[in-house]
Structure formats: structure tokens, C-alpha cells
Protein backbone atom coordinates (compact mmCIF):
# COMPACT_ATOMS: atom_id res chain seq x y z
CA GLN A 1 11.53 111.00 31.98
CA GLY A 2 11.77 114.47 30.47
CA SER A 3 13.75 113.22 27.50
CA ALA A 4 11.30 110.33 27.06
CA LEU A 5 8.40 112.81 27.02
CA ALA A 6 10.24 114.93 24.46
CA ARG A 7 10.75 111.91 22.23
CA ALA A 8 7.10 110.95 22.56
CA LEU A 9 5.86 114.44 21.69
CA VAL A 10 8.46 115.20 19.02
CA PRO A 11 9.41 112.10 17.02
CA ALA A 12 12.77 111.95 15.30
CA PRO A 13 12.59 113.21 11.68
CA SER A 14 13.20 110.96 8.71
CA PRO A 15 15.87 111.97 6.14
CA PRO A 16 13.30 113.63 3.80
CA VAL A 17 11.94 115.59 6.75
CA VAL A 18 15.45 116.71 7.65
CA GLY A 19 15.90 118.19 4.18
CA SER A 20 12.53 119.89 4.34
CA LEU A 21 13.34 121.27 7.78
CA VAL A 22 16.58 122.81 6.56
CA MET A 23 14.85 124.47 3.58
CA ALA A 24 11.92 125.69 5.68
CA SER A 25 14.25 127.14 8.30
CA ALA A 26 16.19 129.03 5.65
CA MET A 27 12.98 130.49 4.17
CA ALA A 28 11.57 131.38 7.58
CA ALA A 29 14.78 133.17 8.47
CA ARG A 30 14.40 135.84 5.78
CA PRO A 31 11.71 137.95 7.51
CA LEU A 32 13.66 137.70 10.77
CA GLY A 33 16.82 139.00 9.20
CA LEU A 34 18.73 135.79 9.85
CA GLY A 35 21.23 134.66 7.28
CA ARG A 36 20.70 131.36 5.49
CA PRO A 37 23.85 129.75 6.99
CA LEU A 38 22.65 130.54 10.53
CA ALA A 39 19.18 129.15 9.82
CA VAL A 40 20.59 125.97 8.30
CA ALA A 41 22.92 125.53 11.26
CA LEU A 42 19.97 125.90 13.62
CA ALA A 43 17.98 123.28 11.71
CA LEU A 44 20.90 120.86 11.79
CA LEU A 45 21.29 121.36 15.53
CA LEU A 46 17.61 120.50 15.96
CA CYS A 47 18.12 117.34 13.91
CA LEU A 48 21.14 116.45 16.02
CA TYR A 49 19.04 116.93 19.15
CA TRP A 50 16.37 114.63 17.77
CA GLY A 51 18.99 112.04 16.89
CA GLN A 52 20.42 112.13 20.39
CA GLN A 53 17.00 111.90 21.97
CA ALA A 54 16.14 108.87 19.83
CA ALA A 55 18.94 106.75 21.25
CA ALA A 56 18.29 104.15 23.93
CA VAL A 57 20.12 104.31 27.26
CA SER A 58 23.71 103.34 26.43
CA MET A 59 25.97 101.91 29.13
CA THR A 60 29.66 101.17 29.61
CA LYS A 61 31.51 99.14 32.21
CA GLU A 62 32.15 102.36 34.15
CA SER A 63 28.53 103.56 34.11
CA TRP A 64 26.88 100.15 34.52
CA ASP A 65 26.58 99.93 38.31
CA ARG A 66 25.12 103.38 38.87
CA THR A 67 22.77 103.09 35.89
CA VAL A 68 21.23 99.71 36.79
CA ALA A 69 21.20 100.11 40.58
CA GLY A 70 17.86 99.02 42.06
CA LYS A 71 16.31 98.20 38.70
CA THR A 72 15.12 95.21 36.74
CA VAL A 73 16.87 95.42 33.39
CA PHE A 74 16.39 94.41 29.77
CA VAL A 75 19.65 95.03 27.92
CA LYS A 76 20.67 94.67 24.29
CA PHE A 77 24.33 93.88 23.69
CA PHE A 78 25.09 94.76 20.08
CA ALA A 79 27.67 95.66 17.44
CA PRO A 80 26.98 98.50 14.96
CA TRP A 81 27.97 96.35 11.96
CA CYS A 82 25.55 93.55 12.90
CA GLY A 83 22.65 93.31 10.44
CA TYR A 84 20.20 91.85 12.97
CA CYS A 85 21.14 94.63 15.41
CA LYS A 86 20.36 97.29 12.81
CA LYS A 87 17.07 95.62 11.99
CA MET A 88 15.81 95.76 15.58
CA ALA A 89 17.31 99.17 16.50
CA ASP A 90 14.11 101.19 15.98
CA ASP A 91 11.98 98.64 17.83
CA TRP A 92 14.39 98.73 20.77
CA ILE A 93 14.23 102.52 20.94
CA GLN A 94 10.43 102.39 20.82
CA LEU A 95 10.42 99.78 23.59
CA GLU A 96 12.56 102.06 25.75
CA LYS A 97 10.21 104.97 25.07
CA ASP A 98 7.15 102.87 25.95
CA HIS A 99 8.50 102.11 29.44
CA ALA A 100 10.51 105.25 30.16
CA ASP A 101 8.17 106.19 33.04
CA ASN A 102 8.70 102.88 34.85
CA GLU A 103 11.32 103.82 37.44
CA GLY A 104 11.89 100.20 38.42
CA LEU A 105 12.70 99.07 34.88
CA LEU A 106 15.68 99.94 32.70
CA ILE A 107 15.74 99.14 28.99
CA GLY A 108 19.17 99.93 27.62
CA GLU A 109 21.99 98.80 25.42
CA VAL A 110 25.75 98.20 25.39
CA ASN A 111 27.88 98.74 22.28
CA CYS A 112 30.21 95.76 22.28
CA ALA A 113 32.26 97.13 19.39
CA GLY A 114 32.65 100.57 20.94
CA VAL A 115 32.61 102.14 24.40
CA GLY A 116 31.00 99.04 25.96
CA THR A 117 33.61 96.51 24.83
CA SER A 118 35.02 95.88 28.30
CA LYS A 119 31.54 95.24 29.76
CA CYS A 120 30.76 92.73 27.01
CA ASP A 121 34.10 91.01 27.63
CA GLU A 122 33.31 90.83 31.34
CA LEU A 123 29.96 89.15 30.60
CA ASN A 124 31.42 86.91 27.87
CA ILE A 125 29.07 88.26 25.21
CA ASN A 126 30.02 86.51 21.97
CA GLY A 127 27.00 86.84 19.66
CA PHE A 128 25.02 89.86 18.49
CA PRO A 129 22.52 90.92 19.38
CA THR A 130 22.39 89.26 22.79
CA LEU A 131 19.41 90.26 24.94
CA MET A 132 19.57 89.77 28.70
CA TYR A 133 17.09 90.57 31.44
CA GLY A 134 16.38 90.38 35.15
CA ASP A 135 18.50 91.32 38.14
CA PRO A 136 21.63 93.15 36.87
CA SER A 137 23.83 90.88 38.98
CA ASN A 138 22.19 87.69 37.71
CA MET A 139 20.81 88.31 34.22
CA VAL A 140 19.19 85.64 32.07
CA GLU A 141 19.43 85.51 28.28
CA TYR A 142 16.21 86.27 26.40
CA LYS A 143 15.52 83.55 23.82
CA GLY A 144 12.17 84.71 22.43
CA ASP A 145 11.15 86.39 19.21
CA ARG A 146 12.79 89.77 18.63
CA GLY A 147 9.98 91.53 16.82
CA TYR A 148 8.49 94.61 18.49
CA LYS A 149 5.18 92.95 19.43
CA SER A 150 6.91 90.01 21.09
CA LEU A 151 9.38 92.22 22.94
CA SER A 152 6.60 94.54 24.11
CA HIS A 153 4.51 91.59 25.31
CA PHE A 154 7.49 90.16 27.18
CA VAL A 155 8.25 93.42 28.97
CA THR A 156 4.62 94.17 29.77
CA LYS A 157 3.37 90.71 30.71
CA GLU A 158 6.33 88.51 31.58
CA LEU A 159 9.32 90.55 32.72
CA ARG A 160 9.34 90.48 36.48
CA LYS A 161 11.88 90.89 39.19
CA THR A 162 14.15 87.86 39.51
CA CYS A 163 16.23 86.32 42.23
CA GLY A 164 18.89 88.70 43.50
CA PRO A 165 20.23 90.49 46.58
CA SER A 166 17.22 92.81 46.64
CA ASP A 167 14.67 90.04 46.01
CA LEU A 168 15.69 87.06 48.13
CA GLY A 169 12.11 85.79 48.24
CA LEU A 170 12.39 84.83 44.58
CA CYS A 171 15.49 82.68 45.12
CA ASP A 172 15.75 78.95 45.71
CA GLU A 173 17.11 77.88 49.08
CA ALA A 174 20.69 77.28 47.93
CA THR A 175 20.94 80.68 46.22
CA LYS A 176 19.28 82.35 49.19
CA GLN A 177 21.90 80.94 51.56
CA LEU A 178 24.68 82.04 49.20
CA LEU A 179 23.31 85.58 49.03
CA HIS A 180 22.80 85.74 52.82
CA GLY A 181 26.50 84.96 53.21
CA LEU A 182 27.52 87.57 50.66
CA LEU A 183 25.30 90.22 52.23
CA LYS A 184 27.11 89.75 55.54
CA GLN A 185 30.50 90.52 53.99
CA PRO A 186 31.95 94.05 54.32
CA THR A 187 31.85 96.18 51.18
CA GLU A 188 35.63 96.35 50.80
CA GLU A 189 35.89 92.58 51.14
CA LEU A 190 33.27 92.17 48.41
CA ARG A 191 35.14 94.59 46.18
CA ARG A 192 38.34 92.60 46.63
CA ALA A 193 36.44 89.40 45.83
CA ILE A 194 34.90 90.99 42.73
CA ALA A 195 38.33 92.12 41.57
CA ALA A 196 39.71 88.62 42.16
CA LYS A 197 36.88 86.99 40.18
CA ARG A 198 37.36 89.45 37.32
CA GLN A 199 41.10 88.79 37.38
CA ALA A 200 40.43 85.06 37.26
CA ALA A 201 38.16 85.57 34.25
CA ASP A 202 40.79 87.75 32.55
CA ASN A 203 43.45 85.11 33.25
CA ALA A 204 41.20 82.44 31.77
CA ASP A 205 40.84 84.54 28.62
CA LYS A 206 44.61 85.02 28.39
CA GLU A 207 45.28 81.32 28.91
CA TYR A 208 42.75 80.48 26.21
CA GLU A 209 44.34 82.96 23.80
CA ALA A 210 47.80 81.55 24.57
CA LEU A 211 46.48 78.03 23.92
CA LEU A 212 45.07 79.13 20.57
CA LYS A 213 48.44 80.64 19.62
CA ARG A 214 50.26 77.42 20.57
CA LEU A 215 47.78 75.34 18.60
CA GLN A 216 48.17 77.68 15.65
CA VAL A 217 51.95 77.26 15.76
CA GLU A 218 51.62 73.47 16.04
CA TYR A 219 49.13 73.46 13.16
CA GLU A 220 51.42 75.49 10.92
CA GLU A 221 54.45 73.35 11.81
CA GLY A 222 52.46 70.16 11.21
CA LEU A 223 51.19 71.49 7.89
CA LYS A 224 54.76 72.35 6.86
CA ARG A 225 56.04 68.89 7.79
CA ARG A 226 53.21 67.25 5.90
CA ASP A 227 53.86 69.28 2.76
CA GLU A 228 57.61 68.62 2.88
CA THR A 229 57.07 64.89 3.40
CA LYS A 230 54.58 64.69 0.55
CA ARG A 231 56.86 66.72 -1.74
CA GLU A 232 59.85 64.48 -1.01
CA ALA A 233 57.71 61.38 -1.45
CA GLN A 234 56.38 62.62 -4.77
CA ASP A 235 59.93 63.27 -6.02
CA VAL A 236 61.09 59.73 -5.09
CA LEU A 237 57.84 58.18 -6.32
CA GLY A 238 58.36 59.80 -9.68
CA HIS A 239 61.78 58.22 -10.08
CA MET A 240 60.57 54.84 -8.79
CA LYS A 241 57.63 54.79 -11.17
CA GLY A 242 59.94 55.73 -14.04
CA ILE A 243 62.30 52.82 -13.29
CA VAL A 244 59.44 50.32 -12.94
CA ALA A 245 57.86 51.52 -16.19
CA SER A 246 61.19 51.26 -18.01
CA ARG A 247 61.77 47.69 -16.78
CA ASP A 248 58.25 46.65 -17.68
CA MET A 249 58.77 47.97 -21.18
CA ALA A 250 62.11 46.14 -21.51
CA LYS A 251 60.45 42.86 -20.54
CA ARG A 252 57.70 43.34 -23.08
CA ASN A 253 60.30 44.00 -25.78
CA GLU A 254 62.15 40.81 -24.89
CA LEU A 255 58.97 38.86 -25.52
């Protein structure tokens, strides 16, 4: 909450402001007896602080559980090179700032092309940006408009707690019975089951990748056979056509 307050009170500077800040710091340093390099370094550190404060909550597979515990979440899964991700970056940061004081809500992000790759793989995130919300253990993909006004309206008016272990009253009967059974299981048993499910998902990925490799090999072999057959056929066809043409000409000459 402290960092959110700092961001609200001291907005991150734009590039022109950064340059002005460096120059102003250097000029202000003269009466204080500070050297220009020290003043410039101080200004750059302030800019770095602002840049760090402007970032949304970033999560990895390792930090996920402790960060989302007990919260309703709205998470952006992104890749830095994605144009749509860049376009909505400032709006997402502003959205996080707007709701930073809501202790029951977490607005964050996962870098699928960086430190969050393993978490994105675990959740089978394939497109960017992908927005997901709700109970961290049972998130739903957000399909609405991604402009700031629409996102803000969704969070303020529509985002509510969803079915999950901490909100059984929101679940249908079948899911409620499933969760009741899971809640009765010892923690270590659940951890073993989680590991088994993750291993099964990893194995499915490996089998799929192996299948793609086999299909690629078959495709390349099939393509090679096709090209060889067509090349051989063309060679023979050329000779055959030459013979037929020669005979046709001989017949015409006889006439």
C-alpha cells in the first residue's frame, strides 16, 4: 500500500521530464558543493525508483502461491515483444494503482517470455495478452474489451469472488462435493496429487512435442519421395514425348 501511495503522489516521469530532472539536479548541486556526476547519478537513481514503482505486481511460478493466497485475482499473462501487451501496459499499471488498497483483490502480471515462463506453461497460456480472473485455483479467462474504461468497470462493478475452496457457497453442487472431498485430504497427500497432475501435464506436452517431431520427419520424408518420383517421371516423360513427337512427324512426312 505504501508503494501504491508513492506512485499515486509521485507519478513516473516521462522521458522529457527525466532529461529535465537530470539537468535541474546538476544545477541545484552547485550551491551544495556536489559535483555534477554525483547529482546526475542521484537523478538517475530517482528515475530508476520511479520506474520500479510504476510496475504492476509481477509473479513467477515460485512466488505465485504466496502472492495470491486468500485473494481474488485479475492477472495479465504477457510477452514483452507483444504489441497488444505494450499498448495496454500503462492502463494495467493504472488499474493496479486504482485498487492497490483493496486487500482482497490482486491485480498483477506474469511475464511468459521471462521469469514467469514456467507458470504460463503450467496454465497452458498460448496467446498474449491473456487476462484471467477469479479464484487463483480456478481462474476464468476475461473476454471483454481491454481498454482502461472497460477494465476499470469490470473490476469495480463485475469482478466478484468466484467458486473456490474459500467460497464454497458460490459453487454448483458437483463442484462443491469435489471441493469437500479435496478439503478432507491431508496437505502432503494434496501436494503429491498436485505434483502428479503437473507431471501428467508435462508428459502430455512431451508426448505432443514428440508427435510433432515424428510428423515433421514423416512430412519431410514424404516430400522427398514425392520430389524424387516427380523428377524421375519428368525425365521418362521427356523421352516418351520426344519419341511420340518424332513418330508423329515421320507419319506426316510419309503422307
